[in-house]
Amino acid sequence: MFSGDLLLGARQLPEECRDLLYAEAQRNVKCLSSWIDRGLLAPVDPEHLMLFIWSATRTYTNLGWQMAHITGQQTPQDEDYAMAAATITRLVLGGVVPEVARSPRKLMFVT
């Protein structure tokens, strides 16, 4: 029911939960913005990056049955989740790693 309510606009979600979600999202956006400003990530919109990561990972946790159906299994296996994590990681990092990081010099991430 909770996921269904979220899909319909979270009309039943208490205001306190909405406030907590917003505060956490703002902390994440601030961290991503800091990394972008310091050249640790490519210049992308930090809010949309956070939403992309969140939606990609939530799809697998909320719709595991869909992953199983597409892969022809009864239920997702550990290997399926590992492959999903590797794929999402590759897609995200391939899109946000700044050009300077592709050079031999190593960058250190600090929050």
Protein backbone atom coordinates (compact mmCIF):
# COMPACT_ATOMS: atom_id res chain seq x y z
CA MET A 1 0.00 0.00 0.00
CA PHE A 2 2.84 2.36 0.86
CA SER A 3 4.44 2.07 -2.59
CA GLY A 4 1.03 2.41 -4.21
CA ASP A 5 0.40 5.63 -2.30
CA LEU A 6 3.78 6.98 -3.36
CA LEU A 7 2.96 6.22 -7.00
CA LEU A 8 -0.25 8.20 -6.61
CA GLY A 9 1.45 11.28 -5.20
CA ALA A 10 1.91 10.24 -1.55
CA ARG A 11 -1.42 11.73 -0.49
CA GLN A 12 -1.47 9.64 2.69
CA LEU A 13 2.17 10.25 3.64
CA PRO A 14 2.32 12.23 6.90
CA GLU A 15 3.78 15.72 6.66
CA GLU A 16 6.59 14.73 9.04
CA CYS A 17 7.69 12.00 6.61
CA ARG A 18 7.54 14.43 3.70
CA ASP A 19 9.72 16.87 5.65
CA LEU A 20 12.25 14.15 6.48
CA LEU A 21 12.37 13.02 2.85
CA TYR A 22 12.90 16.60 1.66
CA ALA A 23 15.64 17.25 4.23
CA GLU A 24 17.49 14.06 3.26
CA ALA A 25 17.16 14.89 -0.43
CA GLN A 26 18.57 18.36 0.18
CA ARG A 27 21.57 16.89 2.05
CA ASN A 28 22.22 14.56 -0.89
CA VAL A 29 21.89 17.38 -3.43
CA LYS A 30 24.23 19.57 -1.38
CA CYS A 31 26.84 16.79 -1.30
CA LEU A 32 26.54 16.15 -5.05
CA SER A 33 26.71 19.90 -5.73
CA SER A 34 29.88 20.14 -3.68
CA TRP A 35 31.48 17.33 -5.69
CA ILE A 36 30.41 19.00 -8.95
CA ASP A 37 31.72 22.40 -7.83
CA ARG A 38 35.09 20.83 -6.95
CA GLY A 39 35.32 19.06 -10.30
CA LEU A 40 34.94 15.60 -8.79
CA LEU A 41 31.81 14.99 -10.86
CA ALA A 42 30.92 16.19 -14.32
CA PRO A 43 28.59 19.19 -14.42
CA VAL A 44 25.15 17.62 -14.26
CA ASP A 45 22.01 18.70 -12.45
CA PRO A 46 22.47 17.30 -8.91
CA GLU A 47 18.74 16.96 -8.23
CA HIS A 48 18.15 14.92 -11.37
CA LEU A 49 21.25 12.82 -10.71
CA MET A 50 19.95 12.00 -7.24
CA LEU A 51 16.50 11.19 -8.64
CA PHE A 52 18.03 8.97 -11.34
CA ILE A 53 20.08 6.98 -8.81
CA TRP A 54 17.13 6.72 -6.46
CA SER A 55 14.69 5.61 -9.14
CA ALA A 56 17.08 3.09 -10.68
CA THR A 57 17.77 1.39 -7.37
CA ARG A 58 14.16 1.54 -6.13
CA THR A 59 12.95 -0.17 -9.28
CA TYR A 60 14.85 -3.31 -8.35
CA THR A 61 13.76 -3.31 -4.71
CA ASN A 62 10.10 -2.53 -5.39
CA LEU A 63 9.68 -4.44 -8.64
CA GLY A 64 11.87 -7.48 -8.19
CA TRP A 65 9.06 -9.59 -9.63
CA GLN A 66 9.43 -7.64 -12.87
CA MET A 67 13.16 -8.35 -13.04
CA ALA A 68 12.45 -12.06 -12.45
CA HIS A 69 9.81 -12.11 -15.17
CA ILE A 70 12.09 -10.40 -17.72
CA THR A 71 14.96 -12.76 -16.93
CA GLY A 72 12.68 -15.82 -16.99
CA GLN A 73 12.99 -16.74 -13.32
CA GLN A 74 10.54 -17.27 -10.49
CA THR A 75 12.30 -14.78 -8.21
CA PRO A 76 15.39 -12.60 -8.59
CA GLN A 77 18.59 -14.29 -7.49
CA ASP A 78 21.57 -12.70 -5.73
CA GLU A 79 23.41 -12.72 -9.05
CA ASP A 80 20.60 -10.67 -10.62
CA TYR A 81 20.89 -7.99 -7.96
CA ALA A 82 24.69 -8.00 -8.30
CA MET A 83 24.39 -7.54 -12.07
CA ALA A 84 21.82 -4.76 -11.58
CA ALA A 85 24.13 -2.98 -9.12
CA ALA A 86 27.09 -3.29 -11.48
CA THR A 87 25.05 -2.00 -14.42
CA ILE A 88 23.64 0.99 -12.52
CA THR A 89 27.08 1.81 -11.14
CA ARG A 90 28.62 1.70 -14.63
CA LEU A 91 25.87 3.86 -16.12
CA VAL A 92 26.06 6.47 -13.37
CA LEU A 93 29.85 6.62 -13.18
CA GLY A 94 30.18 6.63 -16.94
CA GLY A 95 27.99 9.70 -17.06
CA VAL A 96 29.34 11.73 -14.16
CA VAL A 97 33.08 11.10 -14.10
CA PRO A 98 34.68 14.39 -15.17
CA GLU A 99 37.10 14.39 -18.08
CA VAL A 100 40.00 15.30 -15.78
CA ALA A 101 39.41 12.07 -13.83
CA ARG A 102 39.87 10.04 -16.98
CA SER A 103 43.49 11.19 -17.02
CA PRO A 104 46.16 9.23 -15.10
CA ARG A 105 45.77 11.54 -12.08
CA LYS A 106 43.57 10.07 -9.32
CA LEU A 107 40.86 12.07 -7.56
CA MET A 108 39.82 11.59 -3.94
CA PHE A 109 36.15 11.95 -2.97
CA VAL A 110 35.50 13.65 0.33
CA THR A 111 32.02 14.62 1.52
